[in-house]
C-alpha atoms as a PDB file:
ATOM      1  CA  UNK A   1       0.000   0.000   0.000  1.00  0.00           C
ATOM      2  CA  UNK A   2       1.311   3.457  -0.889  1.00  0.00           C
ATOM      3  CA  UNK A   3       2.334   5.692   2.007  1.00  0.00           C
ATOM      4  CA  UNK A   4      -0.406   8.101   3.061  1.00  0.00           C
ATOM      5  CA  UNK A   5       1.716  11.226   3.199  1.00  0.00           C
ATOM      6  CA  UNK A   6       0.712  13.999   5.630  1.00  0.00           C
ATOM      7  CA  UNK A   7       0.900  17.682   4.745  1.00  0.00           C
ATOM      8  CA  UNK A   8       1.190  20.471   7.314  1.00  0.00           C
ATOM      9  CA  UNK A   9       0.009  24.054   7.023  1.00  0.00           C
ATOM     10  CA  UNK A  10       0.122  27.130   9.218  1.00  0.00           C
ATOM     11  CA  UNK A  11      -3.262  28.583  10.143  1.00  0.00           C
ATOM     12  CA  UNK A  12      -2.746  32.308  10.300  1.00  0.00           C
ATOM     13  CA  UNK A  13      -4.769  33.981  13.093  1.00  0.00           C
ATOM     14  CA  UNK A  14      -7.189  36.612  11.855  1.00  0.00           C
ATOM     15  CA  UNK A  15      -5.628  39.264  14.108  1.00  0.00           C
ATOM     16  CA  UNK A  16      -1.993  38.364  13.360  1.00  0.00           C
ATOM     17  CA  UNK A  17      -1.052  41.673  11.710  1.00  0.00           C
ATOM     18  CA  UNK A  18      -3.272  43.749  14.026  1.00  0.00           C
ATOM     19  CA  UNK A  19      -1.905  42.295  17.274  1.00  0.00           C
ATOM     20  CA  UNK A  20       0.143  44.742  19.334  1.00  0.00           C
ATOM     21  CA  UNK A  21       3.308  42.614  19.343  1.00  0.00           C
ATOM     22  CA  UNK A  22       3.407  42.260  15.547  1.00  0.00           C
ATOM     23  CA  UNK A  23       2.485  45.924  14.982  1.00  0.00           C
ATOM     24  CA  UNK A  24       5.350  46.956  17.268  1.00  0.00           C
ATOM     25  CA  UNK A  25       7.729  44.564  15.492  1.00  0.00           C
ATOM     26  CA  UNK A  26       6.865  46.052  12.114  1.00  0.00           C
ATOM     27  CA  UNK A  27       7.452  49.592  13.362  1.00  0.00           C
ATOM     28  CA  UNK A  28      11.098  48.767  14.066  1.00  0.00           C
ATOM     29  CA  UNK A  29      13.674  49.613  11.411  1.00  0.00           C
ATOM     30  CA  UNK A  30      13.570  46.582   9.121  1.00  0.00           C
ATOM     31  CA  UNK A  31      10.406  45.438  10.897  1.00  0.00           C
ATOM     32  CA  UNK A  32       8.832  43.907   7.788  1.00  0.00           C
ATOM     33  CA  UNK A  33      11.976  41.763   7.326  1.00  0.00           C
ATOM     34  CA  UNK A  34      11.772  40.626  10.951  1.00  0.00           C
ATOM     35  CA  UNK A  35       8.094  39.701  10.457  1.00  0.00           C
ATOM     36  CA  UNK A  36       8.982  37.588   7.423  1.00  0.00           C
ATOM     37  CA  UNK A  37      11.718  35.862   9.421  1.00  0.00           C
ATOM     38  CA  UNK A  38       9.205  35.060  12.172  1.00  0.00           C
ATOM     39  CA  UNK A  39       6.779  33.526   9.664  1.00  0.00           C
ATOM     40  CA  UNK A  40       9.555  31.475   8.026  1.00  0.00           C
ATOM     41  CA  UNK A  41      10.603  30.141  11.418  1.00  0.00           C
ATOM     42  CA  UNK A  42       7.024  29.062  12.172  1.00  0.00           C
ATOM     43  CA  UNK A  43       6.783  27.263   8.833  1.00  0.00           C
ATOM     44  CA  UNK A  44       9.986  25.368   9.602  1.00  0.00           C
ATOM     45  CA  UNK A  45       8.842  24.463  13.137  1.00  0.00           C
ATOM     46  CA  UNK A  46       5.193  23.610  12.519  1.00  0.00           C
ATOM     47  CA  UNK A  47       5.746  19.926  11.619  1.00  0.00           C
ATOM     48  CA  UNK A  48       8.074  19.440  14.618  1.00  0.00           C
ATOM     49  CA  UNK A  49       5.747  20.478  17.422  1.00  0.00           C
ATOM     50  CA  UNK A  50       6.830  24.112  17.148  1.00  0.00           C
ATOM     51  CA  UNK A  51      10.519  23.368  17.741  1.00  0.00           C
ATOM     52  CA  UNK A  52      13.599  24.420  15.756  1.00  0.00           C
ATOM     53  CA  UNK A  53      16.357  22.063  16.891  1.00  0.00           C
ATOM     54  CA  UNK A  54      19.926  23.241  17.419  1.00  0.00           C
ATOM     55  CA  UNK A  55      22.316  20.744  15.781  1.00  0.00           C
ATOM     56  CA  UNK A  56      25.545  22.440  16.923  1.00  0.00           C
ATOM     57  CA  UNK A  57      26.778  22.883  13.341  1.00  0.00           C
ATOM     58  CA  UNK A  58      26.970  26.641  13.805  1.00  0.00           C
ATOM     59  CA  UNK A  59      28.098  28.824  16.722  1.00  0.00           C
ATOM     60  CA  UNK A  60      24.498  29.529  17.755  1.00  0.00           C
ATOM     61  CA  UNK A  61      20.883  28.684  16.993  1.00  0.00           C
ATOM     62  CA  UNK A  62      20.596  32.095  15.277  1.00  0.00           C
ATOM     63  CA  UNK A  63      23.356  31.120  12.808  1.00  0.00           C
ATOM     64  CA  UNK A  64      21.674  27.786  12.042  1.00  0.00           C
ATOM     65  CA  UNK A  65      18.253  29.414  11.534  1.00  0.00           C
ATOM     66  CA  UNK A  66      19.776  32.102   9.251  1.00  0.00           C
ATOM     67  CA  UNK A  67      21.370  29.374   7.132  1.00  0.00           C
ATOM     68  CA  UNK A  68      18.153  27.306   7.123  1.00  0.00           C
ATOM     69  CA  UNK A  69      15.808  30.115   6.020  1.00  0.00           C
ATOM     70  CA  UNK A  70      18.329  32.048   3.886  1.00  0.00           C
ATOM     71  CA  UNK A  71      18.217  35.276   5.897  1.00  0.00           C
ATOM     72  CA  UNK A  72      20.913  37.588   7.277  1.00  0.00           C
ATOM     73  CA  UNK A  73      22.159  36.329  10.636  1.00  0.00           C
ATOM     74  CA  UNK A  74      22.081  39.770  12.277  1.00  0.00           C
ATOM     75  CA  UNK A  75      18.419  40.191  11.314  1.00  0.00           C
ATOM     76  CA  UNK A  76      17.681  36.744  12.699  1.00  0.00           C
ATOM     77  CA  UNK A  77      19.392  37.629  16.013  1.00  0.00           C
ATOM     78  CA  UNK A  78      17.327  40.817  16.348  1.00  0.00           C
ATOM     79  CA  UNK A  79      14.143  38.870  15.572  1.00  0.00           C
ATOM     80  CA  UNK A  80      14.932  36.156  18.132  1.00  0.00           C
ATOM     81  CA  UNK A  81      15.659  38.768  20.806  1.00  0.00           C
ATOM     82  CA  UNK A  82      12.380  40.597  20.175  1.00  0.00           C
ATOM     83  CA  UNK A  83      10.281  37.417  20.042  1.00  0.00           C
ATOM     84  CA  UNK A  84      11.843  36.095  23.270  1.00  0.00           C
ATOM     85  CA  UNK A  85      11.144  39.414  25.008  1.00  0.00           C
ATOM     86  CA  UNK A  86       7.466  39.280  23.896  1.00  0.00           C
ATOM     87  CA  UNK A  87       7.033  35.614  24.919  1.00  0.00           C
ATOM     88  CA  UNK A  88       6.606  34.561  21.291  1.00  0.00           C
ATOM     89  CA  UNK A  89       9.744  32.398  21.480  1.00  0.00           C
ATOM     90  CA  UNK A  90      11.570  30.304  24.039  1.00  0.00           C
ATOM     91  CA  UNK A  91      15.249  29.277  23.937  1.00  0.00           C
ATOM     92  CA  UNK A  92      15.562  25.951  25.758  1.00  0.00           C
ATOM     93  CA  UNK A  93      18.562  24.737  27.755  1.00  0.00           C
ATOM     94  CA  UNK A  94      19.731  22.450  24.930  1.00  0.00           C
ATOM     95  CA  UNK A  95      19.755  25.420  22.555  1.00  0.00           C
ATOM     96  CA  UNK A  96      16.552  24.509  20.749  1.00  0.00           C
ATOM     97  CA  UNK A  97      14.144  27.276  19.777  1.00  0.00           C
ATOM     98  CA  UNK A  98      10.477  26.759  20.655  1.00  0.00           C
ATOM     99  CA  UNK A  99       7.707  28.759  18.932  1.00  0.00           C
ATOM    100  CA  UNK A 100       4.433  28.136  20.801  1.00  0.00           C
ATOM    101  CA  UNK A 101       2.158  29.577  18.091  1.00  0.00           C
ATOM    102  CA  UNK A 102       3.802  27.350  15.468  1.00  0.00           C
ATOM    103  CA  UNK A 103       2.439  24.395  17.455  1.00  0.00           C
ATOM    104  CA  UNK A 104      -0.949  25.904  18.339  1.00  0.00           C
ATOM    105  CA  UNK A 105      -1.756  27.174  14.832  1.00  0.00           C
ATOM    106  CA  UNK A 106      -0.516  24.203  12.872  1.00  0.00           C
ATOM    107  CA  UNK A 107      -2.912  22.113  10.794  1.00  0.00           C
ATOM    108  CA  UNK A 108      -2.397  18.948   8.803  1.00  0.00           C
ATOM    109  CA  UNK A 109      -4.108  16.800   6.218  1.00  0.00           C
ATOM    110  CA  UNK A 110      -3.282  13.454   4.633  1.00  0.00           C
ATOM    111  CA  UNK A 111      -2.815  12.832   0.935  1.00  0.00           C
ATOM    112  CA  UNK A 112      -5.938  10.622   0.852  1.00  0.00           C
ATOM    113  CA  UNK A 113      -7.998  13.418   2.412  1.00  0.00           C
ATOM    114  CA  UNK A 114      -6.714  15.811  -0.229  1.00  0.00           C
ATOM    115  CA  UNK A 115      -7.713  13.371  -2.953  1.00  0.00           C
ATOM    116  CA  UNK A 116     -11.175  12.983  -1.395  1.00  0.00           C
ATOM    117  CA  UNK A 117     -11.553  16.741  -1.166  1.00  0.00           C
ATOM    118  CA  UNK A 118     -10.488  17.159  -4.791  1.00  0.00           C
ATOM    119  CA  UNK A 119     -12.959  14.455  -5.808  1.00  0.00           C
ATOM    120  CA  UNK A 120     -15.811  16.166  -3.946  1.00  0.00           C
ATOM    121  CA  UNK A 121     -14.949  19.510  -5.498  1.00  0.00           C
ATOM    122  CA  UNK A 122     -14.893  17.901  -8.940  1.00  0.00           C
ATOM    123  CA  UNK A 123     -18.309  16.336  -8.327  1.00  0.00           C
ATOM    124  CA  UNK A 124     -19.650  19.653  -7.038  1.00  0.00           C
ATOM    125  CA  UNK A 125     -18.387  21.424 -10.152  1.00  0.00           C
ATOM    126  CA  UNK A 126     -19.963  18.773 -12.388  1.00  0.00           C
ATOM    127  CA  UNK A 127     -23.236  18.985 -10.454  1.00  0.00           C
ATOM    128  CA  UNK A 128     -23.220  22.776 -10.668  1.00  0.00           C
ATOM    129  CA  UNK A 129     -22.619  22.617 -14.416  1.00  0.00           C
ATOM    130  CA  UNK A 130     -25.474  20.144 -14.750  1.00  0.00           C
ATOM    131  CA  UNK A 131     -27.777  22.398 -12.712  1.00  0.00           C
ATOM    132  CA  UNK A 132     -26.774  25.378 -14.847  1.00  0.00           C
ATOM    133  CA  UNK A 133     -27.497  23.369 -18.002  1.00  0.00           C
ATOM    134  CA  UNK A 134     -30.898  22.328 -16.658  1.00  0.00           C
ATOM    135  CA  UNK A 135     -31.641  25.919 -15.675  1.00  0.00           C
ATOM    136  CA  UNK A 136     -30.656  27.104 -19.152  1.00  0.00           C
ATOM    137  CA  UNK A 137     -32.859  24.476 -20.805  1.00  0.00           C
ATOM    138  CA  UNK A 138     -35.690  25.302 -18.413  1.00  0.00           C
ATOM    139  CA  UNK A 139     -35.376  29.006 -19.190  1.00  0.00           C
ATOM    140  CA  UNK A 140     -35.341  28.133 -22.888  1.00  0.00           C
ATOM    141  CA  UNK A 141     -38.499  26.048 -22.497  1.00  0.00           C
ATOM    142  CA  UNK A 142     -40.184  28.831 -20.557  1.00  0.00           C
ATOM    143  CA  UNK A 143     -39.170  31.312 -23.244  1.00  0.00           C
ATOM    144  CA  UNK A 144     -40.466  29.018 -25.996  1.00  0.00           C
ATOM    145  CA  UNK A 145     -43.765  28.573 -24.160  1.00  0.00           C
ATOM    146  CA  UNK A 146     -44.082  32.316 -23.627  1.00  0.00           C
ATOM    147  CA  UNK A 147     -43.469  32.875 -27.344  1.00  0.00           C
ATOM    148  CA  UNK A 148     -46.129  30.265 -28.202  1.00  0.00           C
ATOM    149  CA  UNK A 149     -48.597  31.934 -25.850  1.00  0.00           C
ATOM    150  CA  UNK A 150     -47.803  35.322 -27.358  1.00  0.00           C
ATOM    151  CA  UNK A 151     -48.202  34.018 -30.915  1.00  0.00           C
ATOM    152  CA  UNK A 152     -51.517  32.349 -30.050  1.00  0.00           C
ATOM    153  CA  UNK A 153     -52.702  35.577 -28.460  1.00  0.00           C
ATOM    154  CA  UNK A 154     -51.776  37.561 -31.577  1.00  0.00           C
ATOM    155  CA  UNK A 155     -53.527  35.038 -33.833  1.00  0.00           C
ATOM    156  CA  UNK A 156     -56.636  35.138 -31.651  1.00  0.00           C
ATOM    157  CA  UNK A 157     -56.728  38.935 -31.764  1.00  0.00           C
ATOM    158  CA  UNK A 158     -56.343  38.899 -35.536  1.00  0.00           C
ATOM    159  CA  UNK A 159     -59.084  36.270 -35.843  1.00  0.00           C
ATOM    160  CA  UNK A 160     -61.420  38.237 -33.582  1.00  0.00           C
ATOM    161  CA  UNK A 161     -60.708  41.344 -35.594  1.00  0.00           C
ATOM    162  CA  UNK A 162     -61.438  39.615 -38.911  1.00  0.00           C
ATOM    163  CA  UNK A 163     -64.664  38.072 -37.591  1.00  0.00           C
ATOM    164  CA  UNK A 164     -65.918  41.206 -35.856  1.00  0.00           C
ATOM    165  CA  UNK A 165     -68.950  42.978 -37.302  1.00  0.00           C
ATOM    166  CA  UNK A 166     -69.682  46.673 -37.528  1.00  0.00           C
ATOM    167  CA  UNK A 167     -70.630  46.519 -33.844  1.00  0.00           C
ATOM    168  CA  UNK A 168     -68.124  46.508 -31.003  1.00  0.00           C
ATOM    169  CA  UNK A 169     -67.984  44.216 -27.956  1.00  0.00           C
ATOM    170  CA  UNK A 170     -69.556  45.428 -24.729  1.00  0.00           C
ATOM    171  CA  UNK A 171     -66.107  45.544 -23.117  1.00  0.00           C
ATOM    172  CA  UNK A 172     -64.859  47.954 -25.832  1.00  0.00           C
ATOM    173  CA  UNK A 173     -67.685  50.507 -25.862  1.00  0.00           C
ATOM    174  CA  UNK A 174     -69.597  52.510 -23.288  1.00  0.00           C
ATOM    175  CA  UNK A 175     -73.304  52.536 -22.549  1.00  0.00           C
ATOM    176  CA  UNK A 176     -73.442  56.072 -23.954  1.00  0.00           C
ATOM    177  CA  UNK A 177     -72.607  54.679 -27.402  1.00  0.00           C
ATOM    178  CA  UNK A 178     -75.311  52.009 -27.289  1.00  0.00           C
ATOM    179  CA  UNK A 179     -79.027  52.443 -27.947  1.00  0.00           C
ATOM    180  CA  UNK A 180     -80.075  48.950 -26.877  1.00  0.00           C
ATOM    181  CA  UNK A 181     -78.567  45.575 -25.887  1.00  0.00           C
ATOM    182  CA  UNK A 182     -79.842  42.314 -27.394  1.00  0.00           C
ATOM    183  CA  UNK A 183     -79.596  38.930 -25.616  1.00  0.00           C
ATOM    184  CA  UNK A 184     -77.615  36.336 -27.573  1.00  0.00           C
ATOM    185  CA  UNK A 185     -77.724  32.562 -27.930  1.00  0.00           C
ATOM    186  CA  UNK A 186     -75.736  30.307 -25.577  1.00  0.00           C
ATOM    187  CA  UNK A 187     -73.984  33.169 -23.781  1.00  0.00           C
ATOM    188  CA  UNK A 188     -74.530  35.674 -20.994  1.00  0.00           C
ATOM    189  CA  UNK A 189     -73.079  38.419 -23.160  1.00  0.00           C
ATOM    190  CA  UNK A 190     -75.331  40.910 -24.925  1.00  0.00           C
ATOM    191  CA  UNK A 191     -75.133  42.301 -28.420  1.00  0.00           C
ATOM    192  CA  UNK A 192     -74.740  46.104 -28.559  1.00  0.00           C
ATOM    193  CA  UNK A 193     -76.765  48.061 -31.092  1.00  0.00           C
ATOM    194  CA  UNK A 194     -74.946  51.341 -31.281  1.00  0.00           C
ATOM    195  CA  UNK A 195     -76.599  54.695 -31.795  1.00  0.00           C
ATOM    196  CA  UNK A 196     -74.566  55.292 -34.932  1.00  0.00           C
ATOM    197  CA  UNK A 197     -75.975  52.050 -36.354  1.00  0.00           C
ATOM    198  CA  UNK A 198     -79.522  53.171 -35.486  1.00  0.00           C
ATOM    199  CA  UNK A 199     -78.958  56.389 -37.426  1.00  0.00           C
ATOM    200  CA  UNK A 200     -77.569  54.452 -40.382  1.00  0.00           C
ATOM    201  CA  UNK A 201     -80.606  52.108 -40.423  1.00  0.00           C
ATOM    202  CA  UNK A 202     -82.985  55.075 -40.173  1.00  0.00           C
ATOM    203  CA  UNK A 203     -81.497  56.503 -43.354  1.00  0.00           C
ATOM    204  CA  UNK A 204     -81.861  53.147 -45.100  1.00  0.00           C
ATOM    205  CA  UNK A 205     -85.430  52.559 -43.872  1.00  0.00           C
ATOM    206  CA  UNK A 206     -86.967  56.057 -43.673  1.00  0.00           C
ATOM    207  CA  UNK A 207     -90.593  54.857 -43.317  1.00  0.00           C
ATOM    208  CA  UNK A 208     -89.780  52.617 -40.320  1.00  0.00           C
ATOM    209  CA  UNK A 209     -89.588  53.714 -36.690  1.00  0.00           C
ATOM    210  CA  UNK A 210     -86.192  52.104 -36.156  1.00  0.00           C
ATOM    211  CA  UNK A 211     -86.046  52.662 -32.395  1.00  0.00           C
ATOM    212  CA  UNK A 212     -89.454  51.145 -31.788  1.00  0.00           C
ATOM    213  CA  UNK A 213     -88.695  48.206 -34.065  1.00  0.00           C
ATOM    214  CA  UNK A 214     -85.466  47.545 -32.156  1.00  0.00           C
ATOM    215  CA  UNK A 215     -87.448  47.481 -28.903  1.00  0.00           C
ATOM    216  CA  UNK A 216     -89.834  45.010 -30.488  1.00  0.00           C
ATOM    217  CA  UNK A 217     -86.901  42.880 -31.613  1.00  0.00           C
ATOM    218  CA  UNK A 218     -85.541  42.731 -28.064  1.00  0.00           C
ATOM    219  CA  UNK A 219     -88.917  41.750 -26.680  1.00  0.00           C
ATOM    220  CA  UNK A 220     -89.193  38.994 -29.299  1.00  0.00           C
ATOM    221  CA  UNK A 221     -85.686  37.692 -28.449  1.00  0.00           C
ATOM    222  CA  UNK A 222     -86.511  37.639 -24.744  1.00  0.00           C
ATOM    223  CA  UNK A 223     -89.773  35.772 -25.293  1.00  0.00           C
ATOM    224  CA  UNK A 224     -88.261  33.331 -27.795  1.00  0.00           C
ATOM    225  CA  UNK A 225     -85.080  32.164 -26.128  1.00  0.00           C
ATOM    226  CA  UNK A 226     -84.816  29.027 -28.252  1.00  0.00           C
ATOM    227  CA  UNK A 227     -84.790  31.184 -31.395  1.00  0.00           C
ATOM    228  CA  UNK A 228     -82.187  33.594 -30.066  1.00  0.00           C
ATOM    229  CA  UNK A 229     -79.409  34.626 -32.439  1.00  0.00           C
ATOM    230  CA  UNK A 230     -75.654  34.345 -32.229  1.00  0.00           C
ATOM    231  CA  UNK A 231     -73.398  37.343 -32.536  1.00  0.00           C
ATOM    232  CA  UNK A 232     -72.578  36.407 -36.104  1.00  0.00           C
ATOM    233  CA  UNK A 233     -76.238  36.069 -37.076  1.00  0.00           C
ATOM    234  CA  UNK A 234     -77.522  39.162 -35.261  1.00  0.00           C
ATOM    235  CA  UNK A 235     -76.838  41.553 -38.097  1.00  0.00           C
ATOM    236  CA  UNK A 236     -78.806  39.412 -40.542  1.00  0.00           C
ATOM    237  CA  UNK A 237     -81.681  39.163 -38.047  1.00  0.00           C
ATOM    238  CA  UNK A 238     -81.925  42.953 -37.645  1.00  0.00           C
ATOM    239  CA  UNK A 239     -81.719  43.574 -41.391  1.00  0.00           C
ATOM    240  CA  UNK A 240     -84.422  40.994 -42.182  1.00  0.00           C
ATOM    241  CA  UNK A 241     -86.763  42.386 -39.544  1.00  0.00           C
ATOM    242  CA  UNK A 242     -86.358  45.964 -40.796  1.00  0.00           C
ATOM    243  CA  UNK A 243     -86.788  44.841 -44.405  1.00  0.00           C
ATOM    244  CA  UNK A 244     -90.115  43.221 -43.601  1.00  0.00           C
ATOM    245  CA  UNK A 245     -91.224  46.293 -41.645  1.00  0.00           C
ATOM    246  CA  UNK A 246     -90.251  48.557 -44.544  1.00  0.00           C
ATOM    247  CA  UNK A 247     -92.202  46.523 -47.077  1.00  0.00           C
ATOM    248  CA  UNK A 248     -95.317  46.404 -44.901  1.00  0.00           C
ATOM    249  CA  UNK A 249     -95.262  49.985 -43.738  1.00  0.00           C
ATOM    250  CA  UNK A 250     -97.873  51.162 -46.323  1.00  0.00           C
ATOM    251  CA  UNK A 251    -100.553  48.675 -45.280  1.00  0.00           C
ATOM    252  CA  UNK A 252    -102.798  48.857 -42.275  1.00  0.00           C
ATOM    253  CA  UNK A 253    -103.864  45.869 -40.305  1.00  0.00           C
ATOM    254  CA  UNK A 254    -107.479  44.730 -39.982  1.00  0.00           C
ATOM    255  CA  UNK A 255    -108.101  46.352 -36.586  1.00  0.00           C
ATOM    256  CA  UNK A 256    -106.961  49.748 -37.860  1.00  0.00           C
ATOM    257  CA  UNK A 257    -109.417  49.478 -40.838  1.00  0.00           C
ATOM    258  CA  UNK A 258    -112.334  48.578 -38.538  1.00  0.00           C
ATOM    259  CA  UNK A 259    -111.631  51.499 -36.225  1.00  0.00           C
ATOM    260  CA  UNK A 260    -111.484  53.956 -39.091  1.00  0.00           C
ATOM    261  CA  UNK A 261    -114.704  52.536 -40.602  1.00  0.00           C
ATOM    262  CA  UNK A 262    -116.595  52.919 -37.322  1.00  0.00           C
ATOM    263  CA  UNK A 263    -115.357  56.468 -36.921  1.00  0.00           C
ATOM    264  CA  UNK A 264    -116.579  57.342 -40.432  1.00  0.00           C
ATOM    265  CA  UNK A 265    -120.075  55.905 -39.752  1.00  0.00           C
ATOM    266  CA  UNK A 266    -120.338  57.910 -36.547  1.00  0.00           C
ATOM    267  CA  UNK A 267    -119.400  61.058 -38.466  1.00  0.00           C
ATOM    268  CA  UNK A 268    -121.976  60.422 -41.202  1.00  0.00           C
ATOM    269  CA  UNK A 269    -124.765  59.682 -38.705  1.00  0.00           C
ATOM    270  CA  UNK A 270    -124.122  62.798 -36.658  1.00  0.00           C
END
């Protein structure tokens, strides 16, 4: 089985650069260099329980650390002195250097955990891409449906416009424009007979009392529900009624003749 290698990392505290000790260190001449040296030392010590071991290869631990992290030895000495004064470092009796925060803030993870994390991230990315694709397709379907609905609405309006008669729907005109409303077949809607239409019919049928005939038509439609007319057939119904009234306008019915005859006899006998 392959070795499950462990990786270490330094968890930087959120207030690292705002802490008083680090802010004071940075204010020193060359303070930024000293701060970098401190961080390098922690990185070296984090996988050894916060300890930088003194091997005795150099005259002091400062010389060995300077060689190890590639920094100037004098800068390292100044850094060690400051850190020891601020309790950020401890020089042990055997010469080792102990950095407590390098032990406290250290984290680690195994190679297998990294592979598992990478696998999860890959799956999450794939899932997110799939969700985005589904959302795109869904939005496309919604857009297509909205276009279909819009097209059907346009076609319906055009069809209604082509099938509409001279008269308007009740929803499109006001009562002031209408002389009378006729009931229609198989619907609760009413057919509007506009005043302008009444005037037009009066010109076409001058010997007919158009308004009275329209009232008679409405009464007939109310009393003969089974013979009611549709919107499409209403215009033909009105025209036929007025045509018959026009043709019969010069004749009197039997009752009118009898009344006139009786009135004449009374006049002659007086």
